[in-house]
Amino acid sequence: MFVLLIILLFYPSIVISDSLPYAEWAHYHMLEGTYRLNIPTPLLGYSRDKLSPGKLETTRVTSPTSVLRMFITMEPLLAPPESVQQSFDSTESLELLNHARFWVTDLNKKFPNRDYKATVSDINGRSVFIPRFLRPLPLPQLGLTAAAAAGGGADNQMQCQQLARFVSLIPFLSDTVIFPGLCDIWETSDQFLHTMSGDDEEHAVLLNNYFLTLNKNSWIAIGVSIYSGPCCFVLTKEDGQRYPTCWSVADGRDASTIDTWNPIRSIYLLANQENIWANIQEQDIPSRMNFDVGKAADWRPFFSHSFPRDTLPWTSVQPNDLHYEDTRSDDAEILSKEISHILRNKMIDWREANATSWHHVCQKHLEEIIKRKEMEFIRGSTINGADIEPELADFQKTHNITGFALQMPYTTVQAIVDTVYSTNIFKHATNEIKFALAVHVHPYPNNILAVWIYIAHLTPK
């Protein structure tokens, strides 16, 4: 039996999407947190309540458009799966492996529920020291402006957001699918870009290595997310920055450690190309943690005075270069037309006995709008946008118009069809309604694609 308590902070009657991780239920026997909902913006036909003037106007950060505060527990409680201690061949020195074993064992005595690790398995089944996966790597060409590519200030932040977006578009696939019967496997970044699929470790390592190229103070972090349970993500903290930034590799979004909608619930471990630090604070909630890794009372380093790094030189397992292939815009355009054709036919099938008519003038406007959506999404400029697209304002004078834009990484056409079907926008038992549909596929290097779908229906006033 599930016991469910939901508190809605902002809840428009619209299409929202989210998923709840079984892994966290099994580990904690409950889910609790503030969830940032994936809501298309703007939402045609809906308006957002404006916050009244007050202290909210002067706060350091602006909350996302819609969040959901939720508490879920279950009865009976599920027994968490036992962790399996595995031993593999390794090219690491015996001295390092012995210290890693002692270091993790000693930490687990005090914090048995935290996932500490110093070595992971590569695709050949060999144990590899985590920092050997981390080093600066060449950036993909993402069409940045000259100012952004040069870095600095807001342009540097824009570049980080675009790189995070690029990494999040690479399909996610669990190691249990890629390597059935094996433990958690870490691919190098060139292997990851070749297979074009991986779990959060590969995504986090690649994004971290991009940030290192930008000379950012960057770590990969191991902890727990309210969205996916056990996770790996990227944490950055610049000189003078009071609170670190957590970068989710699942959606490319960033959040401060003190933001209530930060999806990271716990942080156990930080690693860069020099060392690993284990969180030994009583608290593992980011907003309550100290992130000064030099403070011995809060963080235990792998390398220390008693076990210095200088005696154990190593080389990175990452390549010196990454191979990027241009994705042909013509191919992306062909795919856009194919997706549009399939969705139109599906809409007709889903509406069964009702006629399906298309509003071609509105559709032309949607096609213009959809092409700028990718850059708006990266900049975050849609978060506090207007309730109506400027190009569609005239339609509101003569029509009731309802619709939204959907965005997703490209995996399969069927996944796109399923997403559109789940919105139920086609469920209107009338022949007076007209639909408008636009599809845009934004190409990134290595055939990484961002898919945008704008769909709306119109009825005369």
Protein backbone atom coordinates (compact mmCIF):
# COMPACT_ATOMS: atom_id res chain seq x y z
CA MET A 1 0.00 0.00 0.00
CA PHE A 2 1.28 3.47 -0.87
CA VAL A 3 0.83 6.45 1.42
CA LEU A 4 0.88 9.61 -0.68
CA LEU A 5 0.91 13.26 0.33
CA ILE A 6 1.21 15.91 -2.35
CA ILE A 7 1.45 19.66 -1.77
CA LEU A 8 1.08 21.76 -4.91
CA LEU A 9 2.90 25.08 -4.97
CA PHE A 10 1.98 26.05 -8.53
CA TYR A 11 -0.13 23.65 -10.55
CA PRO A 12 -1.60 24.81 -13.85
CA SER A 13 -4.01 22.33 -15.42
CA ILE A 14 -1.59 21.44 -18.16
CA VAL A 15 0.64 18.74 -19.50
CA ILE A 16 3.44 17.96 -17.07
CA SER A 17 5.86 15.08 -16.98
CA ASP A 18 8.11 13.48 -14.42
CA SER A 19 9.18 10.06 -13.24
CA LEU A 20 9.80 8.61 -9.81
CA PRO A 21 12.87 6.42 -9.19
CA TYR A 22 12.40 2.91 -7.84
CA ALA A 23 16.07 2.89 -6.78
CA GLU A 24 15.51 5.64 -4.23
CA TRP A 25 12.35 3.99 -2.89
CA ALA A 26 14.24 0.76 -2.37
CA HIS A 27 17.08 2.54 -0.59
CA TYR A 28 15.24 5.10 1.54
CA HIS A 29 11.72 3.56 1.67
CA MET A 30 10.35 6.99 0.81
CA LEU A 31 10.54 9.94 -1.56
CA GLU A 32 10.60 13.49 -0.28
CA GLY A 33 11.60 16.71 -1.98
CA THR A 34 10.71 19.66 -4.17
CA TYR A 35 10.42 18.55 -7.78
CA ARG A 36 10.93 20.96 -10.66
CA LEU A 37 8.24 19.90 -13.13
CA ASN A 38 8.89 19.58 -16.83
CA ILE A 39 6.25 21.94 -18.15
CA PRO A 40 6.25 23.31 -21.71
CA THR A 41 6.61 27.09 -21.86
CA PRO A 42 4.72 29.13 -22.92
CA LEU A 43 1.40 27.35 -22.63
CA LEU A 44 -1.06 28.65 -25.18
CA GLY A 45 -4.46 29.15 -23.63
CA TYR A 46 -3.18 29.31 -20.06
CA SER A 47 -1.92 32.20 -17.97
CA ARG A 48 0.29 32.13 -14.92
CA ASP A 49 -0.55 33.82 -11.65
CA LYS A 50 1.72 36.76 -11.01
CA LEU A 51 3.52 36.78 -7.67
CA SER A 52 2.51 39.70 -5.49
CA PRO A 53 5.23 42.27 -4.73
CA GLY A 54 7.25 41.52 -1.65
CA LYS A 55 10.40 39.86 -0.53
CA LEU A 56 10.34 37.45 -3.45
CA GLU A 57 11.32 40.29 -5.78
CA THR A 58 14.61 40.86 -4.01
CA THR A 59 15.74 37.27 -3.57
CA ARG A 60 18.96 36.12 -5.17
CA VAL A 61 17.34 33.48 -7.33
CA THR A 62 14.12 33.07 -9.25
CA SER A 63 12.17 29.88 -8.71
CA PRO A 64 11.22 27.72 -11.66
CA THR A 65 7.74 28.17 -13.07
CA SER A 66 6.20 25.14 -11.40
CA VAL A 67 7.37 22.86 -8.65
CA LEU A 68 5.80 20.01 -6.76
CA ARG A 69 6.55 19.32 -3.12
CA MET A 70 5.95 15.67 -2.47
CA PHE A 71 6.25 13.02 0.21
CA ILE A 72 5.71 9.34 -0.59
CA THR A 73 6.25 6.28 1.55
CA MET A 74 5.13 2.69 1.24
CA GLU A 75 3.91 -0.28 3.23
CA PRO A 76 5.27 -2.85 3.56
CA LEU A 77 8.84 -1.59 3.25
CA LEU A 78 10.97 -3.15 0.54
CA ALA A 79 14.23 -4.77 1.54
CA PRO A 80 17.05 -2.95 -0.29
CA PRO A 81 19.23 -5.17 -2.47
CA GLU A 82 22.52 -6.15 -0.92
CA SER A 83 25.59 -4.51 -2.38
CA VAL A 84 27.99 -6.92 -4.02
CA GLN A 85 31.69 -6.43 -3.38
CA GLN A 86 33.51 -7.36 -6.56
CA SER A 87 37.19 -7.61 -7.32
CA PHE A 88 38.70 -7.19 -10.79
CA ASP A 89 42.06 -7.23 -12.48
CA SER A 90 43.70 -3.84 -12.60
CA THR A 91 46.65 -1.96 -14.04
CA GLU A 92 46.74 0.19 -10.89
CA SER A 93 49.55 -0.41 -8.44
CA LEU A 94 48.92 -2.86 -5.65
CA GLU A 95 49.74 -0.09 -3.18
CA LEU A 96 46.95 2.13 -4.54
CA LEU A 97 44.42 -0.71 -4.65
CA ASN A 98 45.17 -1.71 -1.06
CA HIS A 99 44.82 1.88 0.11
CA ALA A 100 41.55 2.23 -1.85
CA ARG A 101 40.16 -0.88 -0.18
CA PHE A 102 41.16 0.33 3.28
CA TRP A 103 39.91 3.88 2.60
CA VAL A 104 36.43 2.75 1.48
CA THR A 105 36.11 0.12 4.23
CA ASP A 106 36.99 2.63 6.94
CA LEU A 107 34.49 5.16 5.59
CA ASN A 108 31.70 2.58 5.38
CA LYS A 109 32.15 1.74 9.05
CA LYS A 110 31.01 5.24 9.98
CA PHE A 111 28.57 5.84 7.11
CA PRO A 112 27.35 2.44 5.87
CA ASN A 113 24.57 3.93 3.72
CA ARG A 114 26.85 6.18 1.66
CA ASP A 115 28.24 5.03 -1.67
CA TYR A 116 31.98 5.57 -1.36
CA LYS A 117 34.32 4.37 -4.09
CA ALA A 118 37.82 5.08 -5.33
CA THR A 119 38.01 2.71 -8.29
CA VAL A 120 35.51 1.68 -10.94
CA SER A 121 35.49 -0.90 -13.72
CA ASP A 122 36.28 0.02 -17.32
CA ILE A 123 34.81 -1.77 -20.36
CA ASN A 124 37.61 -4.35 -20.18
CA GLY A 125 36.67 -5.28 -16.62
CA ARG A 126 39.74 -3.66 -15.06
CA SER A 127 39.62 -1.52 -11.93
CA VAL A 128 40.58 2.07 -12.70
CA PHE A 129 41.23 4.92 -10.28
CA ILE A 130 38.43 7.49 -10.76
CA PRO A 131 40.65 10.59 -11.31
CA ARG A 132 42.19 8.89 -14.33
CA PHE A 133 38.89 9.45 -16.17
CA LEU A 134 39.13 13.21 -15.65
CA ARG A 135 41.11 15.58 -17.84
CA PRO A 136 40.41 18.52 -20.18
CA LEU A 137 39.06 17.39 -23.56
CA PRO A 138 38.40 19.29 -26.81
CA LEU A 139 35.00 20.94 -27.06
CA PRO A 140 32.48 20.26 -29.83
CA GLN A 141 31.61 23.08 -32.21
CA LEU A 142 28.14 24.12 -31.11
CA GLY A 143 27.70 27.31 -33.08
CA LEU A 144 28.68 29.61 -30.22
CA THR A 145 29.22 33.29 -30.80
CA ALA A 146 32.80 34.56 -30.80
CA ALA A 147 32.24 36.25 -27.44
CA ALA A 148 30.91 33.07 -25.84
CA ALA A 149 33.74 30.98 -27.23
CA ALA A 150 36.26 33.44 -25.77
CA GLY A 151 34.69 32.92 -22.37
CA GLY A 152 34.13 35.26 -19.47
CA GLY A 153 31.11 36.39 -17.50
CA ALA A 154 27.67 35.69 -18.88
CA ASP A 155 29.10 34.39 -22.16
CA ASN A 156 31.09 31.75 -20.28
CA GLN A 157 27.95 30.73 -18.41
CA MET A 158 26.11 30.51 -21.72
CA GLN A 159 28.83 28.24 -23.07
CA CYS A 160 28.55 25.98 -20.01
CA GLN A 161 24.79 25.77 -20.44
CA GLN A 162 25.12 24.86 -24.10
CA LEU A 163 27.70 22.16 -23.33
CA ALA A 164 25.44 20.78 -20.59
CA ARG A 165 22.56 20.75 -23.07
CA PHE A 166 24.70 18.91 -25.63
CA VAL A 167 25.71 16.22 -23.12
CA SER A 168 22.14 15.74 -21.87
CA LEU A 169 20.96 14.99 -25.43
CA ILE A 170 23.16 11.89 -25.68
CA PRO A 171 20.82 8.93 -25.06
CA PHE A 172 20.81 7.37 -21.60
CA LEU A 173 21.17 3.61 -21.34
CA SER A 174 21.83 1.70 -18.15
CA ASP A 175 24.93 -0.46 -17.83
CA THR A 176 22.68 -3.43 -17.07
CA VAL A 177 21.42 -3.14 -20.66
CA ILE A 178 24.76 -2.46 -22.35
CA PHE A 179 26.75 -4.92 -20.22
CA PRO A 180 24.24 -7.48 -18.87
CA GLY A 181 25.41 -9.45 -15.89
CA LEU A 182 28.26 -7.09 -15.09
CA CYS A 183 28.71 -4.38 -12.49
CA ASP A 184 28.71 -0.63 -13.10
CA ILE A 185 30.97 0.10 -16.08
CA TRP A 186 32.62 3.44 -16.88
CA GLU A 187 33.44 4.22 -20.49
CA THR A 188 36.04 6.77 -21.52
CA SER A 189 34.66 9.85 -23.28
CA ASP A 190 35.74 8.70 -26.75
CA GLN A 191 34.10 5.31 -26.18
CA PHE A 192 30.97 7.10 -24.94
CA LEU A 193 30.76 9.32 -28.02
CA HIS A 194 31.30 6.27 -30.23
CA THR A 195 28.56 4.13 -28.66
CA MET A 196 26.30 7.21 -28.32
CA SER A 197 24.72 5.85 -25.16
CA GLY A 198 25.61 5.52 -21.51
CA ASP A 199 24.40 6.18 -18.01
CA ASP A 200 24.95 9.20 -15.80
CA GLU A 201 28.62 8.43 -15.05
CA GLU A 202 29.62 8.75 -18.72
CA HIS A 203 27.55 11.91 -19.09
CA ALA A 204 29.02 13.47 -15.94
CA VAL A 205 32.61 12.61 -16.86
CA LEU A 206 32.23 14.12 -20.34
CA LEU A 207 30.63 17.33 -19.05
CA ASN A 208 33.24 17.65 -16.31
CA ASN A 209 36.04 17.26 -18.86
CA TYR A 210 34.47 19.99 -21.00
CA PHE A 211 34.33 22.28 -17.97
CA LEU A 212 37.99 21.56 -17.22
CA THR A 213 38.81 22.80 -20.72
CA LEU A 214 37.08 26.06 -19.76
CA ASN A 215 39.31 26.24 -16.65
CA LYS A 216 36.37 25.85 -14.30
CA ASN A 217 36.77 24.45 -10.79
CA SER A 218 34.86 21.29 -11.51
CA TRP A 219 34.30 17.91 -9.86
CA ILE A 220 32.22 14.87 -10.60
CA ALA A 221 30.00 14.10 -7.65
CA ILE A 222 28.36 10.90 -6.53
CA GLY A 223 25.15 11.05 -4.56
CA VAL A 224 21.39 10.68 -4.82
CA SER A 225 18.90 12.55 -7.00
CA ILE A 226 15.20 12.81 -6.25
CA TYR A 227 14.58 11.99 -9.92
CA SER A 228 16.82 8.99 -10.53
CA GLY A 229 18.04 7.74 -7.16
CA PRO A 230 21.81 7.00 -7.05
CA CYS A 231 23.45 9.33 -9.53
CA CYS A 232 26.59 10.97 -10.80
CA PHE A 233 26.60 14.67 -11.70
CA VAL A 234 28.92 17.68 -11.99
CA LEU A 235 29.60 20.27 -9.31
CA THR A 236 31.33 23.60 -9.98
CA LYS A 237 32.49 26.33 -7.61
CA GLU A 238 34.32 29.40 -8.82
CA ASP A 239 36.54 31.65 -6.72
CA GLY A 240 34.32 33.97 -4.73
CA GLN A 241 31.22 31.84 -5.35
CA ARG A 242 29.58 31.19 -2.00
CA TYR A 243 27.41 28.24 -2.98
CA PRO A 244 28.45 25.59 -5.52
CA THR A 245 26.39 24.78 -8.60
CA CYS A 246 25.04 21.31 -9.33
CA TRP A 247 24.74 20.40 -13.02
CA SER A 248 22.23 17.66 -13.81
CA VAL A 249 23.37 15.59 -16.77
CA ALA A 250 19.84 14.26 -17.26
CA ASP A 251 18.42 17.57 -18.49
CA GLY A 252 21.42 19.92 -18.62
CA ARG A 253 19.94 22.21 -15.98
CA ASP A 254 21.97 23.81 -13.19
CA ALA A 255 20.91 24.70 -9.66
CA SER A 256 22.64 26.11 -6.62
CA THR A 257 23.15 23.79 -3.67
CA ILE A 258 20.80 26.03 -1.66
CA ASP A 259 17.99 26.06 -4.22
CA THR A 260 14.96 24.21 -2.89
CA TRP A 261 14.34 22.70 -6.34
CA ASN A 262 17.89 21.36 -6.65
CA PRO A 263 17.29 17.71 -7.63
CA ILE A 264 20.36 16.47 -5.75
CA ARG A 265 19.28 15.04 -2.41
CA SER A 266 22.62 13.76 -1.09
CA ILE A 267 26.31 14.10 -1.92
CA TYR A 268 28.76 11.42 -0.82
CA LEU A 269 31.85 11.93 -2.93
CA LEU A 270 33.73 14.53 -5.00
CA ALA A 271 36.52 13.76 -7.46
CA ASN A 272 38.71 15.78 -9.79
CA GLN A 273 41.82 14.90 -11.77
CA GLU A 274 44.00 15.27 -8.68
CA ASN A 275 42.18 13.57 -5.82
CA ILE A 276 38.98 12.14 -4.33
CA TRP A 277 37.20 13.52 -1.27
CA ALA A 278 34.67 11.61 0.81
CA ASN A 279 31.96 13.53 2.63
CA ILE A 280 32.33 12.72 6.34
CA GLN A 281 29.93 15.41 7.55
CA GLU A 282 26.89 14.27 9.48
CA GLN A 283 24.82 15.98 6.80
CA ASP A 284 24.78 14.90 3.17
CA ILE A 285 22.02 17.29 2.04
CA PRO A 286 23.73 19.86 -0.23
CA SER A 287 22.12 22.93 1.35
CA ARG A 288 23.46 21.90 4.77
CA MET A 289 26.97 20.92 3.70
CA ASN A 290 30.29 22.71 3.77
CA PHE A 291 32.12 22.39 0.43
CA ASP A 292 35.61 23.39 1.55
CA VAL A 293 37.38 20.13 0.67
CA GLY A 294 40.45 21.37 2.52
CA LYS A 295 38.62 21.09 5.82
CA ALA A 296 39.68 17.72 7.23
CA ALA A 297 36.75 17.56 9.65
CA ASP A 298 34.28 17.57 6.74
CA TRP A 299 36.09 15.85 3.86
CA ARG A 300 38.48 12.91 3.89
CA PRO A 301 40.90 12.99 0.93
CA PHE A 302 42.15 9.85 -0.75
CA PHE A 303 45.64 11.32 -1.00
CA SER A 304 46.92 12.88 2.20
CA HIS A 305 50.13 13.35 4.18
CA SER A 306 50.00 9.69 5.20
CA PHE A 307 49.45 8.54 1.60
CA PRO A 308 50.81 11.22 -0.77
CA ARG A 309 50.04 11.27 -4.46
CA ASP A 310 53.63 12.07 -5.47
CA THR A 311 54.68 8.48 -4.90
CA LEU A 312 52.00 7.18 -7.30
CA PRO A 313 52.14 8.94 -10.67
CA TRP A 314 49.53 7.90 -13.21
CA THR A 315 48.31 8.79 -16.67
CA SER A 316 44.77 9.48 -17.78
CA VAL A 317 42.78 6.76 -19.52
CA GLN A 318 41.18 9.47 -21.64
CA PRO A 319 42.46 10.16 -25.16
CA ASN A 320 44.28 13.34 -26.14
CA ASP A 321 41.60 14.18 -28.68
CA LEU A 322 37.94 13.52 -29.42
CA HIS A 323 36.54 12.91 -32.87
CA TYR A 324 33.49 14.95 -33.80
CA GLU A 325 31.52 14.54 -37.02
CA ASP A 326 29.28 17.24 -38.40
CA THR A 327 25.61 16.34 -38.54
CA ARG A 328 24.13 17.32 -41.88
CA SER A 329 21.34 19.85 -41.54
CA ASP A 330 19.69 18.29 -44.59
CA ASP A 331 19.40 14.98 -42.73
CA ALA A 332 17.87 16.75 -39.74
CA GLU A 333 15.36 18.44 -42.03
CA ILE A 334 14.42 15.10 -43.63
CA LEU A 335 13.89 13.61 -40.17
CA SER A 336 11.74 16.61 -39.18
CA LYS A 337 9.47 16.03 -42.16
CA GLU A 338 9.26 12.30 -41.45
CA ILE A 339 8.29 12.89 -37.81
CA SER A 340 5.73 15.51 -38.85
CA HIS A 341 4.18 13.16 -41.41
CA ILE A 342 3.95 10.30 -38.91
CA LEU A 343 2.44 12.49 -36.17
CA ARG A 344 -0.20 13.87 -38.51
CA ASN A 345 -1.29 10.39 -39.50
CA LYS A 346 -1.27 9.30 -35.86
CA MET A 347 -3.47 12.27 -34.91
CA ILE A 348 -6.00 11.18 -37.52
CA ASP A 349 -5.92 7.61 -36.18
CA TRP A 350 -6.22 8.70 -32.55
CA ARG A 351 -9.25 10.88 -33.27
CA GLU A 352 -11.05 7.92 -34.81
CA ALA A 353 -14.53 9.03 -35.93
CA ASN A 354 -13.90 12.76 -35.54
CA ALA A 355 -12.60 14.76 -38.45
CA THR A 356 -9.07 16.12 -38.13
CA SER A 357 -8.59 19.49 -39.80
CA TRP A 358 -5.39 21.55 -39.92
CA HIS A 359 -5.04 25.30 -39.52
CA HIS A 360 -2.33 26.01 -42.08
CA VAL A 361 -1.84 29.71 -41.26
CA CYS A 362 -1.24 28.98 -37.58
CA GLN A 363 1.01 26.12 -38.59
CA LYS A 364 3.25 28.49 -40.56
CA HIS A 365 3.67 30.64 -37.47
CA LEU A 366 4.49 27.61 -35.34
CA GLU A 367 7.16 26.58 -37.83
CA GLU A 368 8.79 30.00 -37.46
CA ILE A 369 8.60 29.87 -33.67
CA ILE A 370 9.92 26.34 -33.26
CA LYS A 371 13.24 27.08 -34.97
CA ARG A 372 14.32 29.48 -32.21
CA LYS A 373 13.23 27.24 -29.34
CA GLU A 374 16.56 25.46 -28.89
CA MET A 375 18.53 28.62 -28.13
CA GLU A 376 15.73 29.92 -25.90
CA PHE A 377 15.82 26.67 -23.97
CA ILE A 378 19.58 26.84 -23.46
CA ARG A 379 19.47 30.45 -22.28
CA GLY A 380 16.53 29.72 -20.01
CA SER A 381 14.70 32.65 -21.57
CA THR A 382 11.44 30.67 -21.77
CA ILE A 383 11.27 30.14 -18.01
CA ASN A 384 9.75 33.54 -17.29
CA GLY A 385 8.40 34.14 -20.78
CA ALA A 386 5.05 35.51 -21.82
CA ASP A 387 1.86 33.48 -21.75
CA ILE A 388 1.51 33.70 -25.54
CA GLU A 389 3.95 33.67 -28.42
CA PRO A 390 3.98 37.16 -30.02
CA GLU A 391 3.38 35.64 -33.47
CA LEU A 392 0.17 34.02 -32.20
CA ALA A 393 -1.30 36.99 -30.36
CA ASP A 394 -3.59 37.89 -33.27
CA PHE A 395 -5.12 34.41 -33.24
CA GLN A 396 -6.36 34.99 -29.69
CA LYS A 397 -8.66 37.71 -30.98
CA THR A 398 -10.65 35.28 -33.11
CA HIS A 399 -9.84 31.85 -31.66
CA ASN A 400 -9.47 30.03 -28.40
CA ILE A 401 -6.00 28.57 -28.79
CA THR A 402 -4.39 25.95 -26.59
CA GLY A 403 -1.02 24.34 -27.12
CA PHE A 404 2.58 23.86 -26.07
CA ALA A 405 6.06 23.03 -27.24
CA LEU A 406 7.65 19.69 -26.34
CA GLN A 407 11.39 19.08 -26.38
CA MET A 408 13.29 15.82 -26.08
CA PRO A 409 16.50 14.15 -27.26
CA TYR A 410 16.08 11.98 -30.33
CA THR A 411 16.15 8.26 -29.63
CA THR A 412 13.42 6.72 -31.79
CA VAL A 413 10.39 7.98 -33.67
CA GLN A 414 8.19 5.73 -31.55
CA ALA A 415 9.39 7.46 -28.38
CA ILE A 416 8.30 10.78 -29.89
CA VAL A 417 4.91 9.37 -30.87
CA ASP A 418 4.41 8.02 -27.34
CA THR A 419 5.25 11.41 -25.82
CA VAL A 420 2.76 13.27 -28.01
CA TYR A 421 0.09 10.63 -27.37
CA SER A 422 0.54 11.01 -23.60
CA THR A 423 -0.50 14.69 -23.81
CA ASN A 424 -4.06 13.75 -24.88
CA ILE A 425 -4.31 16.97 -26.87
CA PHE A 426 -6.13 15.07 -29.61
CA LYS A 427 -9.02 14.07 -27.30
CA HIS A 428 -11.71 16.50 -28.39
CA ALA A 429 -14.95 14.95 -29.63
CA THR A 430 -15.88 17.76 -32.00
CA ASN A 431 -15.36 18.49 -35.66
CA GLU A 432 -15.16 22.28 -35.17
CA ILE A 433 -11.65 22.13 -33.77
CA LYS A 434 -8.55 22.63 -35.93
CA PHE A 435 -4.99 21.59 -35.17
CA ALA A 436 -1.57 23.04 -35.95
CA LEU A 437 1.64 21.03 -35.74
CA ALA A 438 5.28 21.98 -36.30
CA VAL A 439 8.40 19.84 -35.90
CA HIS A 440 12.02 20.98 -35.79
CA VAL A 441 15.12 18.83 -35.32
CA HIS A 442 18.16 20.81 -34.17
CA PRO A 443 21.41 19.07 -35.18
CA TYR A 444 24.46 18.79 -32.94
CA PRO A 445 27.77 17.07 -33.78
CA ASN A 446 27.95 13.25 -33.92
CA ASN A 447 24.30 12.90 -34.95
CA ILE A 448 23.07 14.16 -31.59
CA LEU A 449 19.64 15.67 -32.16
CA ALA A 450 17.27 17.87 -30.18
CA VAL A 451 13.64 17.39 -31.21
CA TRP A 452 11.08 20.14 -30.82
CA ILE A 453 7.36 19.68 -31.43
CA TYR A 454 4.88 22.54 -31.23
CA ILE A 455 1.26 21.44 -31.23
CA ALA A 456 -1.89 23.48 -30.75
CA HIS A 457 -5.62 23.33 -31.34
CA LEU A 458 -7.91 26.22 -32.19
CA THR A 459 -11.66 26.75 -31.89
CA PRO A 460 -13.48 29.87 -33.13
CA LYS A 461 -14.74 32.27 -30.49
